[in-house]
Amino acid sequence: MANRLQDPIDSVEQKLKEIVQNLYNLIVQALEHQGSSTEQAMKREITSLIQNLVTVSREAPRVAIDIPPEVTAYVEGSRNPDIFTREFVELAQRMNQMLKGRSEGYLLLLDCMLKDCWAAFPENRAELIKLAESHGGQMPEGLSPDPSTIKR
């Protein structure tokens, strides 16, 4: 009854582990073959393997796992999915670095524009301060607002 209450993924995962163990046991028994007792053990192991394979083939359709088509194509092309994961992580890091560079570039552009506008439009310094505060919290270095020159 406990098996029916299990999540299908857990059940299939457990059966796959048992299949791997069955195969390992068969390899060991074949390498250390000692006559009829080993043959009987191998028959039991093969029977257990077949039962586990049948169970997996029955339960597998109930398991819903969404695998990205890119990963499936990668594996079908006889490539290692670990390499796909590594390449994906490297791509994400490159994109993050690029976005970080862009955002830093935009902040430098904002600083430059604020400096130029500060000198060119002294009557709009209150708006420039608000703009600086909304995009970074501070005015660029060298631009300290003089309260007597700001019109509010």
N, C-alpha and C. Protein backbone atom coordinates (compact mmCIF):
# COMPACT_ATOMS: atom_id res chain seq x y z
N MET A 1 0.82 -1.20 0.00
CA MET A 1 0.00 0.00 0.00
C MET A 1 0.86 1.26 0.00
N ALA A 2 2.02 1.17 0.66
CA ALA A 2 2.90 2.33 0.73
C ALA A 2 3.42 2.71 -0.65
N ASN A 3 3.66 1.73 -1.53
CA ASN A 3 4.15 2.02 -2.87
C ASN A 3 3.14 2.82 -3.68
N ARG A 4 1.87 2.58 -3.46
CA ARG A 4 0.84 3.30 -4.23
C ARG A 4 0.71 4.74 -3.77
N LEU A 5 1.09 5.01 -2.53
CA LEU A 5 1.01 6.37 -2.02
C LEU A 5 2.24 7.18 -2.40
N GLN A 6 3.28 6.52 -2.86
CA GLN A 6 4.51 7.20 -3.25
C GLN A 6 4.30 8.04 -4.50
N ASP A 7 5.08 9.08 -4.58
CA ASP A 7 5.12 9.90 -5.78
C ASP A 7 5.69 9.05 -6.92
N PRO A 8 5.11 9.12 -8.13
CA PRO A 8 5.61 8.29 -9.24
C PRO A 8 7.10 8.51 -9.53
N ILE A 9 7.57 9.72 -9.38
CA ILE A 9 8.99 9.99 -9.63
C ILE A 9 9.86 9.23 -8.63
N ASP A 10 9.46 9.27 -7.36
CA ASP A 10 10.23 8.56 -6.34
C ASP A 10 10.23 7.06 -6.59
N SER A 11 9.08 6.54 -6.99
CA SER A 11 8.97 5.11 -7.26
C SER A 11 9.86 4.70 -8.42
N VAL A 12 9.82 5.46 -9.51
CA VAL A 12 10.65 5.15 -10.68
C VAL A 12 12.12 5.30 -10.33
N GLU A 13 12.45 6.34 -9.58
CA GLU A 13 13.85 6.53 -9.17
C GLU A 13 14.35 5.35 -8.35
N GLN A 14 13.53 4.88 -7.42
CA GLN A 14 13.92 3.73 -6.60
C GLN A 14 14.11 2.49 -7.47
N LYS A 15 13.21 2.27 -8.40
CA LYS A 15 13.33 1.10 -9.29
C LYS A 15 14.58 1.20 -10.17
N LEU A 16 14.90 2.40 -10.63
CA LEU A 16 16.11 2.57 -11.42
C LEU A 16 17.36 2.26 -10.60
N LYS A 17 17.35 2.66 -9.34
CA LYS A 17 18.46 2.32 -8.45
C LYS A 17 18.57 0.81 -8.28
N GLU A 18 17.43 0.16 -8.14
CA GLU A 18 17.43 -1.30 -8.00
C GLU A 18 17.93 -1.97 -9.28
N ILE A 19 17.59 -1.41 -10.43
CA ILE A 19 18.07 -1.97 -11.71
C ILE A 19 19.59 -1.85 -11.80
N VAL A 20 20.11 -0.70 -11.42
CA VAL A 20 21.57 -0.52 -11.43
C VAL A 20 22.22 -1.52 -10.49
N GLN A 21 21.62 -1.71 -9.32
CA GLN A 21 22.16 -2.69 -8.36
C GLN A 21 22.09 -4.10 -8.93
N ASN A 22 20.98 -4.45 -9.59
CA ASN A 22 20.85 -5.77 -10.23
C ASN A 22 21.97 -5.98 -11.25
N LEU A 23 22.20 -5.00 -12.08
CA LEU A 23 23.25 -5.11 -13.10
C LEU A 23 24.63 -5.24 -12.47
N TYR A 24 24.87 -4.47 -11.43
CA TYR A 24 26.15 -4.56 -10.74
C TYR A 24 26.34 -5.96 -10.15
N ASN A 25 25.30 -6.47 -9.50
CA ASN A 25 25.38 -7.82 -8.91
C ASN A 25 25.65 -8.87 -9.98
N LEU A 26 25.02 -8.72 -11.14
CA LEU A 26 25.25 -9.68 -12.22
C LEU A 26 26.70 -9.62 -12.72
N ILE A 27 27.25 -8.43 -12.81
CA ILE A 27 28.65 -8.30 -13.24
C ILE A 27 29.57 -8.99 -12.24
N VAL A 28 29.34 -8.73 -10.96
CA VAL A 28 30.18 -9.34 -9.92
C VAL A 28 30.05 -10.86 -9.95
N GLN A 29 28.82 -11.35 -10.07
CA GLN A 29 28.60 -12.80 -10.09
C GLN A 29 29.23 -13.44 -11.32
N ALA A 30 29.20 -12.75 -12.45
CA ALA A 30 29.81 -13.30 -13.66
C ALA A 30 31.33 -13.35 -13.53
N LEU A 31 31.91 -12.33 -12.90
CA LEU A 31 33.37 -12.31 -12.74
C LEU A 31 33.86 -13.33 -11.72
N GLU A 32 33.04 -13.60 -10.71
CA GLU A 32 33.44 -14.53 -9.66
C GLU A 32 32.60 -15.80 -9.71
N HIS A 33 32.38 -16.29 -10.89
CA HIS A 33 31.52 -17.47 -11.09
C HIS A 33 32.11 -18.69 -10.38
N GLN A 34 31.26 -19.38 -9.56
CA GLN A 34 31.74 -20.53 -8.80
C GLN A 34 30.80 -21.72 -8.92
N GLY A 35 30.25 -21.91 -10.08
CA GLY A 35 29.45 -23.11 -10.30
C GLY A 35 27.96 -22.89 -10.15
N SER A 36 27.27 -23.97 -9.75
CA SER A 36 25.81 -23.96 -9.73
C SER A 36 25.22 -22.98 -8.73
N SER A 37 25.88 -22.75 -7.60
CA SER A 37 25.32 -21.79 -6.64
C SER A 37 25.30 -20.38 -7.24
N THR A 38 26.33 -20.05 -8.00
CA THR A 38 26.36 -18.75 -8.67
C THR A 38 25.30 -18.67 -9.75
N GLU A 39 25.08 -19.78 -10.45
CA GLU A 39 24.04 -19.80 -11.49
C GLU A 39 22.67 -19.53 -10.89
N GLN A 40 22.39 -20.14 -9.75
CA GLN A 40 21.09 -19.91 -9.09
C GLN A 40 20.96 -18.44 -8.65
N ALA A 41 22.03 -17.91 -8.11
CA ALA A 41 22.00 -16.50 -7.69
C ALA A 41 21.80 -15.58 -8.90
N MET A 42 22.45 -15.92 -10.01
CA MET A 42 22.30 -15.11 -11.22
C MET A 42 20.89 -15.20 -11.77
N LYS A 43 20.28 -16.39 -11.70
CA LYS A 43 18.89 -16.53 -12.15
C LYS A 43 17.97 -15.66 -11.31
N ARG A 44 18.18 -15.67 -9.98
CA ARG A 44 17.35 -14.82 -9.10
C ARG A 44 17.57 -13.34 -9.43
N GLU A 45 18.81 -12.98 -9.68
CA GLU A 45 19.13 -11.58 -9.99
C GLU A 45 18.50 -11.17 -11.32
N ILE A 46 18.55 -12.04 -12.31
CA ILE A 46 17.94 -11.75 -13.62
C ILE A 46 16.43 -11.62 -13.48
N THR A 47 15.82 -12.49 -12.68
CA THR A 47 14.37 -12.42 -12.44
C THR A 47 14.02 -11.08 -11.78
N SER A 48 14.82 -10.70 -10.78
CA SER A 48 14.59 -9.42 -10.11
C SER A 48 14.78 -8.25 -11.08
N LEU A 49 15.79 -8.34 -11.93
CA LEU A 49 16.05 -7.31 -12.93
C LEU A 49 14.86 -7.16 -13.87
N ILE A 50 14.34 -8.27 -14.35
CA ILE A 50 13.19 -8.24 -15.27
C ILE A 50 11.98 -7.62 -14.58
N GLN A 51 11.74 -8.00 -13.33
CA GLN A 51 10.60 -7.43 -12.60
C GLN A 51 10.75 -5.92 -12.44
N ASN A 52 11.95 -5.48 -12.12
CA ASN A 52 12.19 -4.04 -11.96
C ASN A 52 12.03 -3.31 -13.29
N LEU A 53 12.50 -3.91 -14.38
CA LEU A 53 12.34 -3.28 -15.70
C LEU A 53 10.87 -3.18 -16.09
N VAL A 54 10.10 -4.22 -15.81
CA VAL A 54 8.67 -4.20 -16.11
C VAL A 54 7.98 -3.12 -15.28
N THR A 55 8.34 -3.03 -14.01
CA THR A 55 7.74 -2.01 -13.14
C THR A 55 8.05 -0.61 -13.66
N VAL A 56 9.29 -0.38 -14.04
CA VAL A 56 9.67 0.94 -14.56
C VAL A 56 8.91 1.24 -15.85
N SER A 57 8.80 0.26 -16.72
CA SER A 57 8.10 0.51 -17.99
C SER A 57 6.62 0.80 -17.77
N ARG A 58 6.04 0.27 -16.71
CA ARG A 58 4.63 0.55 -16.40
C ARG A 58 4.45 1.91 -15.73
N GLU A 59 5.37 2.26 -14.85
CA GLU A 59 5.23 3.49 -14.07
C GLU A 59 5.76 4.73 -14.79
N ALA A 60 6.68 4.55 -15.69
CA ALA A 60 7.32 5.69 -16.36
C ALA A 60 6.34 6.62 -17.08
N PRO A 61 5.30 6.10 -17.76
CA PRO A 61 4.38 7.02 -18.44
C PRO A 61 3.63 7.96 -17.48
N ARG A 62 3.53 7.59 -16.20
CA ARG A 62 2.84 8.45 -15.23
C ARG A 62 3.72 9.58 -14.73
N VAL A 63 5.00 9.51 -15.04
CA VAL A 63 5.93 10.54 -14.57
C VAL A 63 5.99 11.65 -15.62
N ALA A 64 5.67 12.85 -15.18
CA ALA A 64 5.71 14.00 -16.09
C ALA A 64 6.94 14.84 -15.78
N ILE A 65 7.93 14.75 -16.64
CA ILE A 65 9.14 15.55 -16.48
C ILE A 65 9.34 16.33 -17.77
N ASP A 66 9.46 17.63 -17.62
CA ASP A 66 9.70 18.48 -18.78
C ASP A 66 11.20 18.70 -18.95
N ILE A 67 11.74 18.11 -19.98
CA ILE A 67 13.15 18.28 -20.30
C ILE A 67 13.22 19.23 -21.49
N PRO A 68 14.01 20.30 -21.36
CA PRO A 68 14.11 21.24 -22.48
C PRO A 68 14.57 20.53 -23.75
N PRO A 69 13.99 20.88 -24.89
CA PRO A 69 14.36 20.21 -26.14
C PRO A 69 15.84 20.38 -26.49
N GLU A 70 16.45 21.48 -26.02
CA GLU A 70 17.87 21.68 -26.28
C GLU A 70 18.70 20.59 -25.62
N VAL A 71 18.32 20.23 -24.38
CA VAL A 71 19.06 19.18 -23.67
C VAL A 71 18.86 17.84 -24.36
N THR A 72 17.63 17.56 -24.76
CA THR A 72 17.35 16.29 -25.45
C THR A 72 18.16 16.20 -26.74
N ALA A 73 18.17 17.27 -27.52
CA ALA A 73 18.94 17.27 -28.77
C ALA A 73 20.42 17.11 -28.49
N TYR A 74 20.89 17.73 -27.43
CA TYR A 74 22.31 17.64 -27.05
C TYR A 74 22.69 16.20 -26.73
N VAL A 75 21.84 15.52 -25.94
CA VAL A 75 22.12 14.14 -25.55
C VAL A 75 21.97 13.21 -26.75
N GLU A 76 20.95 13.44 -27.57
CA GLU A 76 20.77 12.60 -28.76
C GLU A 76 21.93 12.74 -29.73
N GLY A 77 22.62 13.85 -29.67
CA GLY A 77 23.81 14.04 -30.50
C GLY A 77 25.05 13.43 -29.86
N SER A 78 24.85 12.53 -28.91
CA SER A 78 25.93 11.81 -28.22
C SER A 78 26.87 12.75 -27.48
N ARG A 79 26.29 13.79 -26.88
CA ARG A 79 27.11 14.72 -26.11
C ARG A 79 26.73 14.62 -24.65
N ASN A 80 27.64 14.98 -23.79
CA ASN A 80 27.47 14.87 -22.35
C ASN A 80 26.60 16.02 -21.82
N PRO A 81 25.51 15.71 -21.09
CA PRO A 81 24.66 16.78 -20.56
C PRO A 81 25.38 17.64 -19.52
N ASP A 82 26.42 17.10 -18.87
CA ASP A 82 27.18 17.91 -17.93
C ASP A 82 27.90 19.04 -18.66
N ILE A 83 28.36 18.77 -19.87
CA ILE A 83 29.02 19.80 -20.67
C ILE A 83 27.99 20.87 -21.06
N PHE A 84 26.77 20.43 -21.39
CA PHE A 84 25.69 21.38 -21.70
C PHE A 84 25.46 22.30 -20.51
N THR A 85 25.41 21.71 -19.31
CA THR A 85 25.18 22.50 -18.10
C THR A 85 26.31 23.50 -17.90
N ARG A 86 27.56 23.04 -18.07
CA ARG A 86 28.70 23.93 -17.91
C ARG A 86 28.65 25.08 -18.92
N GLU A 87 28.34 24.75 -20.18
CA GLU A 87 28.25 25.78 -21.22
C GLU A 87 27.14 26.77 -20.91
N PHE A 88 26.01 26.26 -20.38
CA PHE A 88 24.89 27.13 -20.03
C PHE A 88 25.30 28.09 -18.91
N VAL A 89 25.99 27.57 -17.90
CA VAL A 89 26.43 28.42 -16.79
C VAL A 89 27.42 29.47 -17.28
N GLU A 90 28.35 29.06 -18.14
CA GLU A 90 29.32 30.01 -18.69
C GLU A 90 28.62 31.10 -19.51
N LEU A 91 27.62 30.71 -20.29
CA LEU A 91 26.86 31.69 -21.07
C LEU A 91 26.13 32.66 -20.14
N ALA A 92 25.52 32.14 -19.08
CA ALA A 92 24.81 33.00 -18.13
C ALA A 92 25.78 33.97 -17.46
N GLN A 93 26.98 33.50 -17.13
CA GLN A 93 27.97 34.39 -16.53
C GLN A 93 28.40 35.49 -17.50
N ARG A 94 28.60 35.12 -18.77
CA ARG A 94 28.98 36.12 -19.77
C ARG A 94 27.87 37.16 -19.93
N MET A 95 26.63 36.70 -19.97
CA MET A 95 25.50 37.63 -20.11
C MET A 95 25.41 38.55 -18.89
N ASN A 96 25.62 37.99 -17.69
CA ASN A 96 25.59 38.81 -16.48
C ASN A 96 26.70 39.86 -16.50
N GLN A 97 27.89 39.47 -16.95
CA GLN A 97 28.99 40.42 -17.05
C GLN A 97 28.66 41.52 -18.06
N MET A 98 28.06 41.13 -19.18
CA MET A 98 27.70 42.11 -20.19
C MET A 98 26.66 43.09 -19.65
N LEU A 99 25.64 42.57 -18.96
CA LEU A 99 24.61 43.44 -18.40
C LEU A 99 25.18 44.35 -17.32
N LYS A 100 26.11 43.81 -16.52
CA LYS A 100 26.75 44.63 -15.50
C LYS A 100 27.53 45.76 -16.17
N GLY A 101 28.25 45.43 -17.22
CA GLY A 101 29.00 46.45 -17.96
C GLY A 101 28.09 47.51 -18.54
N ARG A 102 26.96 47.08 -19.07
CA ARG A 102 26.01 48.06 -19.63
C ARG A 102 25.48 48.98 -18.55
N SER A 103 25.07 48.39 -17.42
CA SER A 103 24.49 49.23 -16.36
C SER A 103 25.54 50.20 -15.81
N GLU A 104 26.79 49.73 -15.68
CA GLU A 104 27.85 50.65 -15.24
C GLU A 104 28.09 51.73 -16.29
N GLY A 105 28.02 51.36 -17.56
CA GLY A 105 28.17 52.34 -18.63
C GLY A 105 27.08 53.39 -18.60
N TYR A 106 25.84 52.95 -18.36
CA TYR A 106 24.74 53.90 -18.29
C TYR A 106 24.90 54.84 -17.09
N LEU A 107 25.40 54.32 -15.97
CA LEU A 107 25.62 55.18 -14.81
C LEU A 107 26.72 56.21 -15.10
N LEU A 108 27.77 55.78 -15.81
CA LEU A 108 28.82 56.74 -16.20
C LEU A 108 28.27 57.80 -17.15
N LEU A 109 27.41 57.38 -18.07
CA LEU A 109 26.77 58.34 -18.98
C LEU A 109 25.91 59.33 -18.20
N LEU A 110 25.16 58.81 -17.22
CA LEU A 110 24.33 59.68 -16.40
C LEU A 110 25.19 60.68 -15.64
N ASP A 111 26.30 60.21 -15.05
CA ASP A 111 27.20 61.12 -14.34
C ASP A 111 27.72 62.22 -15.27
N CYS A 112 28.14 61.81 -16.45
CA CYS A 112 28.67 62.77 -17.43
C CYS A 112 27.60 63.80 -17.83
N MET A 113 26.40 63.30 -18.08
CA MET A 113 25.32 64.20 -18.48
C MET A 113 24.93 65.13 -17.33
N LEU A 114 24.92 64.61 -16.10
CA LEU A 114 24.60 65.46 -14.96
C LEU A 114 25.64 66.57 -14.80
N LYS A 115 26.92 66.22 -14.97
CA LYS A 115 27.97 67.24 -14.86
C LYS A 115 27.79 68.33 -15.92
N ASP A 116 27.52 67.90 -17.14
CA ASP A 116 27.34 68.87 -18.22
C ASP A 116 26.10 69.73 -18.00
N CYS A 117 25.02 69.09 -17.59
CA CYS A 117 23.76 69.84 -17.36
C CYS A 117 23.88 70.74 -16.14
N TRP A 118 24.67 70.32 -15.15
CA TRP A 118 24.87 71.12 -13.94
C TRP A 118 25.50 72.46 -14.31
N ALA A 119 26.48 72.37 -15.20
CA ALA A 119 27.17 73.61 -15.62
C ALA A 119 26.32 74.41 -16.60
N ALA A 120 25.60 73.75 -17.47
CA ALA A 120 24.86 74.44 -18.53
C ALA A 120 23.52 75.01 -18.07
N PHE A 121 22.88 74.36 -17.11
CA PHE A 121 21.54 74.78 -16.69
C PHE A 121 21.48 74.96 -15.17
N PRO A 122 22.06 76.01 -14.65
CA PRO A 122 22.05 76.19 -13.19
C PRO A 122 20.63 76.37 -12.63
N GLU A 123 19.72 76.85 -13.45
CA GLU A 123 18.35 77.05 -12.97
C GLU A 123 17.59 75.74 -12.77
N ASN A 124 18.09 74.64 -13.32
CA ASN A 124 17.41 73.34 -13.20
C ASN A 124 18.12 72.37 -12.25
N ARG A 125 18.91 72.90 -11.34
CA ARG A 125 19.69 72.03 -10.46
C ARG A 125 18.82 71.20 -9.52
N ALA A 126 17.68 71.72 -9.13
CA ALA A 126 16.80 70.94 -8.25
C ALA A 126 16.32 69.67 -8.96
N GLU A 127 15.98 69.81 -10.23
CA GLU A 127 15.55 68.64 -11.01
C GLU A 127 16.72 67.68 -11.23
N LEU A 128 17.92 68.23 -11.41
CA LEU A 128 19.10 67.37 -11.60
C LEU A 128 19.39 66.57 -10.33
N ILE A 129 19.21 67.20 -9.17
CA ILE A 129 19.41 66.48 -7.90
C ILE A 129 18.39 65.35 -7.78
N LYS A 130 17.13 65.65 -8.11
CA LYS A 130 16.10 64.61 -8.06
C LYS A 130 16.43 63.46 -9.01
N LEU A 131 16.90 63.81 -10.20
CA LEU A 131 17.27 62.79 -11.18
C LEU A 131 18.41 61.92 -10.66
N ALA A 132 19.42 62.56 -10.09
CA ALA A 132 20.55 61.81 -9.55
C ALA A 132 20.10 60.89 -8.41
N GLU A 133 19.24 61.40 -7.55
CA GLU A 133 18.76 60.58 -6.42
C GLU A 133 17.91 59.41 -6.90
N SER A 134 17.17 59.60 -7.97
CA SER A 134 16.31 58.51 -8.46
C SER A 134 17.09 57.43 -9.19
N HIS A 135 18.32 57.72 -9.63
CA HIS A 135 19.09 56.74 -10.39
C HIS A 135 20.37 56.28 -9.72
N GLY A 136 20.64 56.72 -8.55
CA GLY A 136 21.87 56.27 -7.91
C GLY A 136 22.02 56.81 -6.51
N GLY A 137 21.24 57.79 -6.18
CA GLY A 137 21.26 58.28 -4.82
C GLY A 137 22.20 59.44 -4.55
N GLN A 138 23.15 59.71 -5.47
CA GLN A 138 24.12 60.77 -5.20
C GLN A 138 24.41 61.56 -6.47
N MET A 139 24.85 62.77 -6.23
CA MET A 139 25.33 63.57 -7.35
C MET A 139 26.76 63.12 -7.64
N PRO A 140 27.20 63.25 -8.88
CA PRO A 140 28.59 62.89 -9.20
C PRO A 140 29.57 63.73 -8.38
N GLU A 141 30.78 63.18 -8.18
CA GLU A 141 31.79 63.90 -7.40
C GLU A 141 32.10 65.24 -8.05
N GLY A 142 32.30 66.22 -7.20
CA GLY A 142 32.62 67.55 -7.71
C GLY A 142 31.40 68.42 -7.92
N LEU A 143 30.23 67.85 -7.81
CA LEU A 143 28.99 68.62 -7.99
C LEU A 143 28.25 68.63 -6.66
N SER A 144 28.57 69.57 -5.83
CA SER A 144 27.83 69.67 -4.58
C SER A 144 26.83 70.79 -4.73
N PRO A 145 25.61 70.50 -4.42
CA PRO A 145 24.59 71.54 -4.61
C PRO A 145 24.81 72.70 -3.63
N ASP A 146 24.83 73.87 -4.17
CA ASP A 146 24.91 75.09 -3.35
C ASP A 146 23.48 75.54 -3.11
N PRO A 147 23.02 75.48 -1.86
CA PRO A 147 21.62 75.80 -1.59
C PRO A 147 21.18 77.18 -2.08
N SER A 148 22.10 78.13 -2.16
CA SER A 148 21.69 79.48 -2.58
C SER A 148 21.43 79.55 -4.09
N THR A 149 21.98 78.58 -4.86
CA THR A 149 21.80 78.64 -6.31
C THR A 149 20.65 77.78 -6.81
N ILE A 150 20.06 76.99 -5.93
CA ILE A 150 18.99 76.07 -6.35
C ILE A 150 17.65 76.76 -6.19
N LYS A 151 16.88 76.78 -7.26
CA LYS A 151 15.53 77.33 -7.24
C LYS A 151 14.56 76.18 -7.07
N ARG A 152 13.75 76.24 -6.06
CA ARG A 152 12.81 75.15 -5.82
C ARG A 152 11.42 75.58 -6.11
